[in-house]
Every structure is written in structure tokens, then in C-alpha cells.
């Protein structure tokens, strides 16, 4: 009976949303699941850190600042405009997500962050035609997180150097929070896969880390696009402009 009531309640919320609200919620869910994919498993940071997804600073200063992953994805769908803030708040008022505004280090400018609630993920899954509740996976069987694999992969490319663990994401439009990356790198050091410097801010691959067959890992995914300055990045930018 309780499960039936839950299904009815979630279905009613899903049906009450307009097309724009649905699109925003689904984009947030997709980003949430991408964050979960790269941050779950051994060497991962607490969900309380990476569940917060960045939309971006006030749209009035957008040209002077940057787009967070959420606004970047919505802009690709041509869904960024004056009603963006109202859309996020309408979803928050329904209990589907929480919002927060955080300083970005440029005077008083703040950036909007969004975190889905359990109900928010349930509604998004219903809208996507998926089971309302995601099947649970035994924690012991989880593969190493994609973020951890990316850090180790970078270390394997430069095995004699101490590196900033955020280096794999430099020049990319999508990136995990730097503090989350640092926490994952420290977790890898605790497992003996990296060697940390005295301040635990830079890391070098260890012999055990070199032995990890990263490209054979279950959830390994190369970056889909080259980063700024990498071979092929100019062609990638031009192809997006033409499209």
C-alpha cells in the first residue's frame, strides 16, 4: 500500500510539470548520474560534495564569467533565458531539488548550485520512462570511479612527475569540483596507488598505480572531446560553430 501511494504521488508530480520544468529536471538528473558514475566506488568523495551541480553565475554577467555544467547542457538545448531562475525555484518549491548560491571569487558574484532530492530523482526517472527507484548495487562489487581512473591515467602518462590531480580536466567545459578531485586523489594515495607530496596537494603514480589496467576497467571512458590546446581541439570548436 505504501509503495502504491508513493508511485501515485510521484506520478502526479511528474504530470504537473510543464515542458520546461521537465527538461530542467531531466538535465539535472543526467548530470547527477554522471557525477555519481565518476564519483562512486573506491577512492570516491562523499556524496554531500559531488551531488551539488553548478548552473552558473547570474545570467546578466554570463559573458564575463562562465557556464556551469547545467547551464552548458541547457544552452545546447536552447533552454537558457530569463525564466531560468524561476524554473529552478518552481522545482525547489515542489521538493524536487535544493538550491544554493556560492561565491566564485569575483567580488560579490555568486553562482547557482542545484542538488536533487530523492523525490527529484524519482520524478526524473519516471519522466525518462525508467523504473521509479534505481536498482541498488552491492558496494563491494562497484568498480573504481571514473574520476579515480582519470587521475591514475594522467599519472601513468607522466610516471616520474608530481601532478595536480585536477590536470585531466584543465581546458574542458565539464569538470568535477576541484575539492572532490583532491579528496579522491588522497583516497588513492591511502590505497597505495598514488604517492602524495608533503602537503598532499600533488601526487605521483606509484608502482601499484602503474600496474592498474585502466583502459580495461569496466567503467573507463576516454574524454569525448579534446581539451583546449590538445590536438584536434580547434577542429572540434569549428565543427560546433558550423552546426
Protein backbone atom coordinates (compact mmCIF):
# COMPACT_ATOMS: atom_id res chain seq x y z
CA UNK A 1 0.00 0.00 0.00
CA UNK A 2 2.78 2.44 0.94
CA UNK A 3 4.59 1.73 -2.34
CA UNK A 4 1.40 2.29 -4.33
CA UNK A 5 0.87 5.64 -2.62
CA UNK A 6 4.47 6.62 -3.40
CA UNK A 7 4.06 5.70 -7.06
CA UNK A 8 0.83 7.70 -7.27
CA UNK A 9 2.38 10.75 -5.58
CA UNK A 10 5.48 10.74 -7.79
CA UNK A 11 3.41 10.22 -10.95
CA UNK A 12 1.14 13.14 -10.05
CA UNK A 13 4.14 15.42 -9.53
CA UNK A 14 5.61 14.35 -12.88
CA UNK A 15 2.32 15.06 -14.67
CA UNK A 16 2.04 18.51 -13.05
CA UNK A 17 5.31 19.78 -14.55
CA UNK A 18 5.37 21.82 -17.74
CA UNK A 19 7.75 21.02 -20.59
CA UNK A 20 10.45 23.46 -19.45
CA UNK A 21 10.36 22.20 -15.87
CA UNK A 22 10.62 18.62 -17.12
CA UNK A 23 13.60 19.47 -19.30
CA UNK A 24 15.43 21.20 -16.44
CA UNK A 25 14.78 18.30 -14.08
CA UNK A 26 15.94 15.71 -16.61
CA UNK A 27 19.12 17.68 -17.38
CA UNK A 28 19.84 17.92 -13.65
CA UNK A 29 19.21 14.19 -13.27
CA UNK A 30 21.53 13.32 -16.16
CA UNK A 31 24.29 15.48 -14.65
CA UNK A 32 23.61 13.96 -11.24
CA UNK A 33 24.00 10.46 -12.65
CA UNK A 34 27.16 11.43 -14.50
CA UNK A 35 28.57 12.78 -11.23
CA UNK A 36 27.54 9.56 -9.50
CA UNK A 37 29.21 7.49 -12.18
CA UNK A 38 32.56 9.23 -11.85
CA UNK A 39 32.50 9.52 -8.06
CA UNK A 40 31.18 6.16 -6.88
CA UNK A 41 33.35 3.25 -5.87
CA UNK A 42 36.71 3.03 -4.07
CA UNK A 43 38.57 6.32 -3.74
CA UNK A 44 35.45 8.45 -4.06
CA UNK A 45 34.48 11.61 -2.18
CA UNK A 46 31.31 11.95 -0.03
CA UNK A 47 28.08 12.40 -1.99
CA UNK A 48 27.42 15.55 0.07
CA UNK A 49 30.16 17.19 -2.02
CA UNK A 50 29.59 15.99 -5.56
CA UNK A 51 25.77 15.91 -5.53
CA UNK A 52 25.80 19.72 -5.80
CA UNK A 53 25.70 20.61 -9.51
CA UNK A 54 26.71 24.03 -10.78
CA UNK A 55 24.40 26.00 -13.06
CA UNK A 56 26.48 29.17 -13.22
CA UNK A 57 26.68 32.83 -12.17
CA UNK A 58 23.91 35.38 -12.78
CA UNK A 59 22.94 35.44 -16.44
CA UNK A 60 23.49 39.21 -16.60
CA UNK A 61 27.25 38.66 -16.25
CA UNK A 62 27.35 35.42 -18.21
CA UNK A 63 29.67 36.79 -20.91
CA UNK A 64 32.12 37.89 -18.21
CA UNK A 65 32.13 34.61 -16.31
CA UNK A 66 31.34 31.05 -17.39
CA UNK A 67 28.65 28.38 -17.68
CA UNK A 68 28.46 25.57 -15.15
CA UNK A 69 27.69 22.05 -16.45
CA UNK A 70 23.90 22.52 -16.03
CA UNK A 71 23.67 25.78 -17.96
CA UNK A 72 26.06 24.45 -20.59
CA UNK A 73 23.78 21.44 -21.18
CA UNK A 74 20.61 23.57 -21.20
CA UNK A 75 22.19 26.09 -23.58
CA UNK A 76 22.85 23.25 -26.02
CA UNK A 77 19.07 22.66 -25.92
CA UNK A 78 18.36 26.41 -26.28
CA UNK A 79 16.61 26.44 -22.90
CA UNK A 80 18.58 29.20 -21.18
CA UNK A 81 16.75 32.50 -20.75
CA UNK A 82 15.19 34.98 -18.34
CA UNK A 83 12.94 32.31 -16.82
CA UNK A 84 15.75 30.00 -15.74
CA UNK A 85 15.78 31.12 -12.11
CA UNK A 86 12.01 30.83 -11.83
CA UNK A 87 12.12 27.33 -13.28
CA UNK A 88 14.69 26.15 -10.74
CA UNK A 89 12.70 27.71 -7.89
CA UNK A 90 9.46 26.10 -9.07
CA UNK A 91 11.17 22.71 -8.92
CA UNK A 92 12.55 23.57 -5.49
CA UNK A 93 9.08 24.53 -4.25
CA UNK A 94 7.85 21.08 -5.27
CA UNK A 95 10.56 19.46 -3.16
CA UNK A 96 12.43 18.09 -6.17
CA UNK A 97 15.71 19.88 -5.54
CA UNK A 98 17.57 22.33 -3.31
CA UNK A 99 19.44 25.43 -4.47
CA UNK A 100 22.44 27.27 -3.10
CA UNK A 101 24.38 30.35 -4.16
CA UNK A 102 28.14 30.30 -3.69
CA UNK A 103 30.86 32.92 -4.27
CA UNK A 104 33.07 32.42 -7.32
CA UNK A 105 35.95 34.65 -6.23
CA UNK A 106 34.91 37.68 -8.30
CA UNK A 107 33.70 40.31 -5.85
CA UNK A 108 30.12 39.68 -4.77
CA UNK A 109 29.24 37.45 -7.73
CA UNK A 110 27.56 34.18 -6.80
CA UNK A 111 26.97 31.00 -8.77
CA UNK A 112 23.80 28.90 -8.55
CA UNK A 113 24.19 25.28 -7.45
CA UNK A 114 21.45 22.65 -7.56
CA UNK A 115 21.10 19.38 -5.67
CA UNK A 116 18.36 16.87 -6.50
CA UNK A 117 16.33 15.37 -3.68
CA UNK A 118 15.32 11.71 -3.59
CA UNK A 119 11.89 12.71 -4.93
CA UNK A 120 13.59 14.74 -7.67
CA UNK A 121 15.49 11.69 -8.86
CA UNK A 122 12.31 9.59 -8.68
CA UNK A 123 10.30 12.06 -10.76
CA UNK A 124 13.12 12.41 -13.30
CA UNK A 125 13.30 8.65 -13.72
CA UNK A 126 9.55 8.47 -14.30
CA UNK A 127 9.81 11.23 -16.91
CA UNK A 128 12.58 9.29 -18.66
CA UNK A 129 10.49 6.11 -18.68
CA UNK A 130 12.74 4.34 -16.17
CA UNK A 131 11.77 2.44 -13.01
CA UNK A 132 11.00 4.93 -10.26
CA UNK A 133 13.69 3.52 -7.98
CA UNK A 134 17.16 2.77 -9.27
CA UNK A 135 18.28 -0.82 -8.63
CA UNK A 136 20.83 -1.00 -5.81
CA UNK A 137 24.33 -2.28 -6.48
CA UNK A 138 26.44 -4.06 -3.88
CA UNK A 139 29.12 -1.56 -2.81
CA UNK A 140 31.76 -4.29 -2.73
CA UNK A 141 31.22 -5.00 -6.43
CA UNK A 142 31.47 -1.38 -7.59
CA UNK A 143 34.33 -0.64 -9.97
CA UNK A 144 36.78 2.17 -9.30
CA UNK A 145 35.20 5.57 -10.01
CA UNK A 146 35.80 7.16 -13.41
CA UNK A 147 37.30 10.22 -11.72
CA UNK A 148 39.81 7.99 -9.92
CA UNK A 149 40.63 6.24 -13.19
CA UNK A 150 41.21 9.58 -14.93
CA UNK A 151 43.63 10.68 -12.21
CA UNK A 152 45.54 7.39 -12.41
CA UNK A 153 45.55 7.55 -16.21
CA UNK A 154 47.14 11.01 -16.11
CA UNK A 155 49.74 9.74 -13.66
CA UNK A 156 50.58 6.82 -15.93
CA UNK A 157 51.26 9.25 -18.80
CA UNK A 158 53.85 11.12 -16.69
CA UNK A 159 55.13 8.49 -14.25
CA UNK A 160 58.14 10.44 -12.96
CA UNK A 161 56.33 13.71 -12.18
CA UNK A 162 54.21 15.01 -9.32
CA UNK A 163 50.95 16.31 -10.82
CA UNK A 164 47.94 18.36 -9.79
CA UNK A 165 45.13 15.74 -9.68
CA UNK A 166 42.81 18.21 -11.48
CA UNK A 167 45.07 18.20 -14.56
CA UNK A 168 42.90 15.81 -16.66
CA UNK A 169 40.08 18.40 -16.66
CA UNK A 170 42.07 21.54 -17.45
CA UNK A 171 40.67 23.16 -20.60
CA UNK A 172 37.40 21.20 -20.55
CA UNK A 173 33.84 22.52 -20.37
CA UNK A 174 32.77 19.84 -17.88
CA UNK A 175 34.70 19.24 -14.70
CA UNK A 176 34.12 17.86 -11.21
CA UNK A 177 34.60 20.15 -8.17
CA UNK A 178 38.36 20.52 -7.50
CA UNK A 179 37.98 19.65 -3.81
CA UNK A 180 36.21 16.43 -4.78
CA UNK A 181 39.09 15.56 -7.12
CA UNK A 182 41.60 16.29 -4.35
CA UNK A 183 39.70 14.05 -1.94
CA UNK A 184 39.68 11.21 -4.47
CA UNK A 185 43.41 11.61 -5.11
CA UNK A 186 44.11 11.42 -1.38
CA UNK A 187 41.97 8.29 -1.19
CA UNK A 188 44.04 6.74 -3.97
CA UNK A 189 47.20 7.65 -2.07
CA UNK A 190 45.81 5.94 1.04
CA UNK A 191 45.31 2.81 -1.08
CA UNK A 192 48.91 2.94 -2.31
CA UNK A 193 48.04 3.78 -5.92
CA UNK A 194 49.49 7.30 -5.73
CA UNK A 195 52.33 8.89 -3.79
CA UNK A 196 51.46 12.26 -2.22
CA UNK A 197 53.81 15.16 -1.61
CA UNK A 198 54.27 16.51 1.90
CA UNK A 199 51.21 18.79 1.67
CA UNK A 200 49.06 16.13 -0.06
CA UNK A 201 48.29 18.51 -2.92
CA UNK A 202 50.39 16.95 -5.69
CA UNK A 203 50.66 13.26 -6.49
CA UNK A 204 52.84 10.84 -8.43
CA UNK A 205 51.82 7.42 -9.67
CA UNK A 206 53.12 4.50 -7.60
CA UNK A 207 54.26 1.10 -8.84
CA UNK A 208 50.85 -0.28 -7.85
CA UNK A 209 49.13 2.54 -9.74
CA UNK A 210 51.20 1.85 -12.85
CA UNK A 211 50.02 -1.75 -12.73
CA UNK A 212 46.32 -0.79 -12.96
CA UNK A 213 44.94 -1.74 -16.40
CA UNK A 214 42.87 1.44 -16.72
CA UNK A 215 41.68 1.04 -20.31
CA UNK A 216 40.41 -2.45 -19.47
CA UNK A 217 38.41 -1.20 -16.46
CA UNK A 218 34.65 -1.78 -16.62
CA UNK A 219 33.65 1.90 -16.50
CA UNK A 220 36.63 3.53 -18.25
CA UNK A 221 35.62 6.17 -20.80
CA UNK A 222 38.06 8.41 -22.70
CA UNK A 223 37.05 12.06 -22.91
CA UNK A 224 34.65 12.56 -25.82
CA UNK A 225 36.31 15.79 -26.96
CA UNK A 226 39.87 17.14 -26.85
CA UNK A 227 40.65 19.74 -24.21
CA UNK A 228 41.74 23.29 -25.05
CA UNK A 229 45.20 23.12 -26.63
CA UNK A 230 45.12 19.38 -27.33
CA UNK A 231 45.42 18.04 -30.90
CA UNK A 232 42.08 18.41 -32.68
CA UNK A 233 40.56 20.99 -30.32
CA UNK A 234 40.40 23.73 -32.99
CA UNK A 235 38.57 21.40 -35.40
CA UNK A 236 36.15 20.47 -32.61
CA UNK A 237 35.36 24.15 -31.89
CA UNK A 238 34.88 24.92 -35.59
CA UNK A 239 32.53 21.96 -36.04
CA UNK A 240 30.35 23.24 -33.17
CA UNK A 241 30.28 26.75 -34.68
CA UNK A 242 29.23 25.39 -38.07
CA UNK A 243 26.46 23.29 -36.53
